[in-house]
């Protein structure tokens, strides 16, 4: 190993314990219900937008 490689290795040699942070995820039923509600709303809006785009497409073809 060259001297510069060794210096670089030493410079970036970190304790692996500091790289990863463990988080304990706690289930929150209210939040899960909220997420489900938001997903439903998004799906509904996407369907509505798709229908409007289809209408506009038909209108443009008629011109």
PDB file of N, CA and C in Angstrom:
ATOM      1  N   UNK A   1       0.846  -1.166   0.000  1.00  0.00           N
ATOM      2  CA  UNK A   1       0.000   0.000   0.000  1.00  0.00           C
ATOM      3  C   UNK A   1       0.898   1.238   0.000  1.00  0.00           C
ATOM      4  N   UNK A   2       0.536   2.178  -0.823  1.00  0.00           N
ATOM      5  CA  UNK A   2       1.325   3.403  -0.885  1.00  0.00           C
ATOM      6  C   UNK A   2       1.037   4.259   0.344  1.00  0.00           C
ATOM      7  N   UNK A   3       1.947   5.175   0.614  1.00  0.00           N
ATOM      8  CA  UNK A   3       1.809   6.040   1.785  1.00  0.00           C
ATOM      9  C   UNK A   3       0.525   6.873   1.710  1.00  0.00           C
ATOM     10  N   UNK A   4       0.218   7.396   0.510  1.00  0.00           N
ATOM     11  CA  UNK A   4      -0.987   8.228   0.368  1.00  0.00           C
ATOM     12  C   UNK A   4      -2.252   7.387   0.603  1.00  0.00           C
ATOM     13  N   UNK A   5      -2.220   6.117   0.151  1.00  0.00           N
ATOM     14  CA  UNK A   5      -3.360   5.223   0.389  1.00  0.00           C
ATOM     15  C   UNK A   5      -3.546   4.977   1.879  1.00  0.00           C
ATOM     16  N   UNK A   6      -2.427   4.790   2.569  1.00  0.00           N
ATOM     17  CA  UNK A   6      -2.479   4.550   4.010  1.00  0.00           C
ATOM     18  C   UNK A   6      -3.049   5.771   4.729  1.00  0.00           C
ATOM     19  N   UNK A   7      -2.595   6.958   4.331  1.00  0.00           N
ATOM     20  CA  UNK A   7      -3.114   8.186   4.939  1.00  0.00           C
ATOM     21  C   UNK A   7      -4.615   8.317   4.709  1.00  0.00           C
ATOM     22  N   UNK A   8      -5.050   8.021   3.482  1.00  0.00           N
ATOM     23  CA  UNK A   8      -6.470   8.112   3.149  1.00  0.00           C
ATOM     24  C   UNK A   8      -7.261   7.118   3.997  1.00  0.00           C
ATOM     25  N   UNK A   9      -6.710   5.914   4.128  1.00  0.00           N
ATOM     26  CA  UNK A   9      -7.379   4.886   4.920  1.00  0.00           C
ATOM     27  C   UNK A   9      -7.506   5.330   6.377  1.00  0.00           C
ATOM     28  N   UNK A  10      -6.436   5.881   6.903  1.00  0.00           N
ATOM     29  CA  UNK A  10      -6.458   6.333   8.295  1.00  0.00           C
ATOM     30  C   UNK A  10      -7.442   7.489   8.478  1.00  0.00           C
ATOM     31  N   UNK A  11      -7.489   8.357   7.480  1.00  0.00           N
ATOM     32  CA  UNK A  11      -8.348   9.534   7.555  1.00  0.00           C
ATOM     33  C   UNK A  11      -9.824   9.124   7.639  1.00  0.00           C
ATOM     34  N   UNK A  12     -10.192   8.108   6.850  1.00  0.00           N
ATOM     35  CA  UNK A  12     -11.595   7.714   6.774  1.00  0.00           C
ATOM     36  C   UNK A  12     -11.924   6.464   7.577  1.00  0.00           C
ATOM     37  N   UNK A  13     -10.976   6.001   8.358  1.00  0.00           N
ATOM     38  CA  UNK A  13     -11.220   4.822   9.177  1.00  0.00           C
ATOM     39  C   UNK A  13     -12.110   5.230  10.347  1.00  0.00           C
ATOM     40  N   UNK A  14     -13.330   4.738  10.330  1.00  0.00           N
ATOM     41  CA  UNK A  14     -14.283   5.114  11.371  1.00  0.00           C
ATOM     42  C   UNK A  14     -14.718   3.882  12.140  1.00  0.00           C
ATOM     43  N   UNK A  15     -15.126   4.107  13.329  1.00  0.00           N
ATOM     44  CA  UNK A  15     -15.682   3.027  14.134  1.00  0.00           C
ATOM     45  C   UNK A  15     -17.030   2.641  13.532  1.00  0.00           C
ATOM     46  N   UNK A  16     -17.212   1.373  13.140  1.00  0.00           N
ATOM     47  CA  UNK A  16     -18.464   0.963  12.499  1.00  0.00           C
ATOM     48  C   UNK A  16     -19.700   1.248  13.349  1.00  0.00           C
ATOM     49  N   UNK A  17     -19.528   1.309  14.637  1.00  0.00           N
ATOM     50  CA  UNK A  17     -20.671   1.569  15.507  1.00  0.00           C
ATOM     51  C   UNK A  17     -21.295   2.930  15.283  1.00  0.00           C
ATOM     52  N   UNK A  18     -20.507   3.882  14.786  1.00  0.00           N
ATOM     53  CA  UNK A  18     -21.048   5.230  14.588  1.00  0.00           C
ATOM     54  C   UNK A  18     -21.777   5.372  13.258  1.00  0.00           C
ATOM     55  N   UNK A  19     -21.640   4.388  12.383  1.00  0.00           N
ATOM     56  CA  UNK A  19     -22.253   4.508  11.062  1.00  0.00           C
ATOM     57  C   UNK A  19     -23.738   4.164  11.065  1.00  0.00           C
ATOM     58  N   UNK A  20     -24.148   3.328  11.959  1.00  0.00           N
ATOM     59  CA  UNK A  20     -25.525   2.854  11.940  1.00  0.00           C
ATOM     60  C   UNK A  20     -26.248   3.251  13.216  1.00  0.00           C
ATOM     61  N   UNK A  21     -27.429   3.784  13.036  1.00  0.00           N
ATOM     62  CA  UNK A  21     -28.248   4.162  14.184  1.00  0.00           C
ATOM     63  C   UNK A  21     -29.446   3.225  14.201  1.00  0.00           C
ATOM     64  N   UNK A  22     -29.610   2.524  15.291  1.00  0.00           N
ATOM     65  CA  UNK A  22     -30.751   1.613  15.401  1.00  0.00           C
ATOM     66  C   UNK A  22     -31.950   2.391  15.917  1.00  0.00           C
ATOM     67  N   UNK A  23     -33.062   2.209  15.233  1.00  0.00           N
ATOM     68  CA  UNK A  23     -34.291   2.861  15.685  1.00  0.00           C
ATOM     69  C   UNK A  23     -35.314   1.770  15.948  1.00  0.00           C
ATOM     70  N   UNK A  24     -36.017   1.925  17.008  1.00  0.00           N
ATOM     71  CA  UNK A  24     -37.117   1.010  17.277  1.00  0.00           C
ATOM     72  C   UNK A  24     -38.396   1.674  16.790  1.00  0.00           C
ATOM     73  N   UNK A  25     -39.039   1.041  15.829  1.00  0.00           N
ATOM     74  CA  UNK A  25     -40.267   1.600  15.292  1.00  0.00           C
ATOM     75  C   UNK A  25     -41.444   1.092  16.108  1.00  0.00           C
ATOM     76  N   UNK A  26     -42.248   2.015  16.540  1.00  0.00           N
ATOM     77  CA  UNK A  26     -43.415   1.668  17.341  1.00  0.00           C
ATOM     78  C   UNK A  26     -44.640   1.795  16.448  1.00  0.00           C
ATOM     79  N   UNK A  27     -45.479   0.780  16.452  1.00  0.00           N
ATOM     80  CA  UNK A  27     -46.712   0.837  15.669  1.00  0.00           C
ATOM     81  C   UNK A  27     -47.648   1.868  16.275  1.00  0.00           C
ATOM     82  N   UNK A  28     -48.194   2.711  15.429  1.00  0.00           N
ATOM     83  CA  UNK A  28     -49.150   3.709  15.871  1.00  0.00           C
ATOM     84  C   UNK A  28     -50.421   3.513  15.051  1.00  0.00           C
ATOM     85  N   UNK A  29     -51.437   2.868  15.634  1.00  0.00           N
ATOM     86  CA  UNK A  29     -52.656   2.550  14.875  1.00  0.00           C
ATOM     87  C   UNK A  29     -53.329   3.784  14.273  1.00  0.00           C
ATOM     88  N   UNK A  30     -53.319   4.897  15.005  1.00  0.00           N
ATOM     89  CA  UNK A  30     -53.940   6.112  14.473  1.00  0.00           C
ATOM     90  C   UNK A  30     -53.205   6.592  13.228  1.00  0.00           C
ATOM     91  N   UNK A  31     -51.882   6.545  13.281  1.00  0.00           N
ATOM     92  CA  UNK A  31     -51.094   6.989  12.137  1.00  0.00           C
ATOM     93  C   UNK A  31     -51.288   6.044  10.955  1.00  0.00           C
ATOM     94  N   UNK A  32     -51.336   4.739  11.232  1.00  0.00           N
ATOM     95  CA  UNK A  32     -51.554   3.762  10.160  1.00  0.00           C
ATOM     96  C   UNK A  32     -52.912   3.995   9.497  1.00  0.00           C
ATOM     97  N   UNK A  33     -53.935   4.280  10.299  1.00  0.00           N
ATOM     98  CA  UNK A  33     -55.272   4.558   9.761  1.00  0.00           C
ATOM     99  C   UNK A  33     -55.236   5.826   8.906  1.00  0.00           C
ATOM    100  N   UNK A  34     -54.521   6.836   9.383  1.00  0.00           N
ATOM    101  CA  UNK A  34     -54.394   8.088   8.633  1.00  0.00           C
ATOM    102  C   UNK A  34     -53.715   7.841   7.286  1.00  0.00           C
ATOM    103  N   UNK A  35     -52.634   7.040   7.286  1.00  0.00           N
ATOM    104  CA  UNK A  35     -51.930   6.747   6.039  1.00  0.00           C
ATOM    105  C   UNK A  35     -52.853   6.026   5.056  1.00  0.00           C
ATOM    106  N   UNK A  36     -53.647   5.081   5.559  1.00  0.00           N
ATOM    107  CA  UNK A  36     -54.573   4.347   4.701  1.00  0.00           C
ATOM    108  C   UNK A  36     -55.600   5.305   4.097  1.00  0.00           C
ATOM    109  N   UNK A  37     -56.073   6.233   4.919  1.00  0.00           N
ATOM    110  CA  UNK A  37     -57.057   7.215   4.455  1.00  0.00           C
ATOM    111  C   UNK A  37     -56.452   8.102   3.359  1.00  0.00           C
ATOM    112  N   UNK A  38     -55.227   8.530   3.568  1.00  0.00           N
ATOM    113  CA  UNK A  38     -54.553   9.375   2.580  1.00  0.00           C
ATOM    114  C   UNK A  38     -54.358   8.609   1.275  1.00  0.00           C
ATOM    115  N   UNK A  39     -53.956   7.341   1.372  1.00  0.00           N
ATOM    116  CA  UNK A  39     -53.772   6.530   0.164  1.00  0.00           C
ATOM    117  C   UNK A  39     -55.081   6.407  -0.605  1.00  0.00           C
ATOM    118  N   UNK A  40     -56.186   6.167   0.112  1.00  0.00           N
ATOM    119  CA  UNK A  40     -57.496   6.068  -0.541  1.00  0.00           C
ATOM    120  C   UNK A  40     -57.825   7.368  -1.268  1.00  0.00           C
ATOM    121  N   UNK A  41     -57.567   8.487  -0.616  1.00  0.00           N
ATOM    122  CA  UNK A  41     -57.852   9.801  -1.205  1.00  0.00           C
ATOM    123  C   UNK A  41     -57.008  10.019  -2.461  1.00  0.00           C
ATOM    124  N   UNK A  42     -55.751   9.613  -2.410  1.00  0.00           N
ATOM    125  CA  UNK A  42     -54.864   9.763  -3.569  1.00  0.00           C
ATOM    126  C   UNK A  42     -55.372   8.920  -4.732  1.00  0.00           C
ATOM    127  N   UNK A  43     -55.756   7.688  -4.452  1.00  0.00           N
ATOM    128  CA  UNK A  43     -56.267   6.806  -5.509  1.00  0.00           C
ATOM    129  C   UNK A  43     -57.517   7.413  -6.133  1.00  0.00           C
ATOM    130  N   UNK A  44     -58.403   7.935  -5.285  1.00  0.00           N
ATOM    131  CA  UNK A  44     -59.638   8.546  -5.775  1.00  0.00           C
ATOM    132  C   UNK A  44     -59.310   9.740  -6.678  1.00  0.00           C
ATOM    133  N   UNK A  45     -58.377  10.573  -6.232  1.00  0.00           N
ATOM    134  CA  UNK A  45     -57.986  11.744  -7.023  1.00  0.00           C
ATOM    135  C   UNK A  45     -57.333  11.336  -8.340  1.00  0.00           C
ATOM    136  N   UNK A  46     -56.521  10.278  -8.311  1.00  0.00           N
ATOM    137  CA  UNK A  46     -55.870   9.816  -9.540  1.00  0.00           C
ATOM    138  C   UNK A  46     -56.909   9.327 -10.544  1.00  0.00           C
ATOM    139  N   UNK A  47     -57.923   8.602 -10.056  1.00  0.00           N
ATOM    140  CA  UNK A  47     -58.986   8.118 -10.944  1.00  0.00           C
ATOM    141  C   UNK A  47     -59.759   9.288 -11.533  1.00  0.00           C
ATOM    142  N   UNK A  48     -60.034  10.284 -10.699  1.00  0.00           N
ATOM    143  CA  UNK A  48     -60.748  11.473 -11.154  1.00  0.00           C
ATOM    144  C   UNK A  48     -59.941  12.208 -12.226  1.00  0.00           C
ATOM    145  N   UNK A  49     -58.647  12.359 -11.991  1.00  0.00           N
ATOM    146  CA  UNK A  49     -57.789  13.046 -12.961  1.00  0.00           C
ATOM    147  C   UNK A  49     -57.707  12.259 -14.261  1.00  0.00           C
ATOM    148  N   UNK A  50     -57.637  10.950 -14.179  1.00  0.00           N
ATOM    149  CA  UNK A  50     -57.572  10.115 -15.380  1.00  0.00           C
ATOM    150  C   UNK A  50     -58.851  10.282 -16.194  1.00  0.00           C
ATOM    151  N   UNK A  51     -59.999  10.337 -15.506  1.00  0.00           N
ATOM    152  CA  UNK A  51     -61.276  10.520 -16.197  1.00  0.00           C
ATOM    153  C   UNK A  51     -61.314  11.887 -16.883  1.00  0.00           C
ATOM    154  N   UNK A  52     -60.842  12.929 -16.198  1.00  0.00           N
ATOM    155  CA  UNK A  52     -60.822  14.276 -16.789  1.00  0.00           C
ATOM    156  C   UNK A  52     -59.889  14.325 -17.994  1.00  0.00           C
ATOM    157  N   UNK A  53     -58.746  13.653 -17.892  1.00  0.00           N
ATOM    158  CA  UNK A  53     -57.811  13.627 -19.020  1.00  0.00           C
ATOM    159  C   UNK A  53     -58.442  12.920 -20.215  1.00  0.00           C
ATOM    160  N   UNK A  54     -59.176  11.861 -19.935  1.00  0.00           N
ATOM    161  CA  UNK A  54     -59.858  11.125 -21.003  1.00  0.00           C
ATOM    162  C   UNK A  54     -60.892  12.023 -21.680  1.00  0.00           C
ATOM    163  N   UNK A  55     -61.659  12.776 -20.881  1.00  0.00           N
ATOM    164  CA  UNK A  55     -62.649  13.710 -21.433  1.00  0.00           C
ATOM    165  C   UNK A  55     -61.962  14.752 -22.308  1.00  0.00           C
ATOM    166  N   UNK A  56     -60.850  15.298 -21.819  1.00  0.00           N
ATOM    167  CA  UNK A  56     -60.129  16.316 -22.582  1.00  0.00           C
ATOM    168  C   UNK A  56     -59.588  15.726 -23.878  1.00  0.00           C
ATOM    169  N   UNK A  57     -59.129  14.504 -23.823  1.00  0.00           N
ATOM    170  CA  UNK A  57     -58.604  13.831 -25.003  1.00  0.00           C
ATOM    171  C   UNK A  57     -59.707  13.678 -26.048  1.00  0.00           C
ATOM    172  N   UNK A  58     -60.895  13.274 -25.597  1.00  0.00           N
ATOM    173  CA  UNK A  58     -62.040  13.116 -26.504  1.00  0.00           C
ATOM    174  C   UNK A  58     -62.408  14.468 -27.106  1.00  0.00           C
ATOM    175  N   UNK A  59     -62.428  15.517 -26.262  1.00  0.00           N
ATOM    176  CA  UNK A  59     -62.752  16.864 -26.741  1.00  0.00           C
ATOM    177  C   UNK A  59     -61.745  17.332 -27.791  1.00  0.00           C
ATOM    178  N   UNK A  60     -60.462  17.073 -27.559  1.00  0.00           N
ATOM    179  CA  UNK A  60     -59.436  17.503 -28.503  1.00  0.00           C
ATOM    180  C   UNK A  60     -59.558  16.768 -29.833  1.00  0.00           C
ATOM    181  N   UNK A  61     -59.921  15.497 -29.769  1.00  0.00           N
ATOM    182  CA  UNK A  61     -60.076  14.724 -31.004  1.00  0.00           C
ATOM    183  C   UNK A  61     -61.267  15.232 -31.811  1.00  0.00           C
ATOM    184  N   UNK A  62     -62.264  15.774 -31.114  1.00  0.00           N
ATOM    185  CA  UNK A  62     -63.464  16.275 -31.784  1.00  0.00           C
ATOM    186  C   UNK A  62     -63.185  17.586 -32.522  1.00  0.00           C
ATOM    187  N   UNK A  63     -62.138  18.283 -32.142  1.00  0.00           N
ATOM    188  CA  UNK A  63     -61.842  19.589 -32.769  1.00  0.00           C
ATOM    189  C   UNK A  63     -61.267  19.405 -34.161  1.00  0.00           C
TER     190      UNK A  63
END
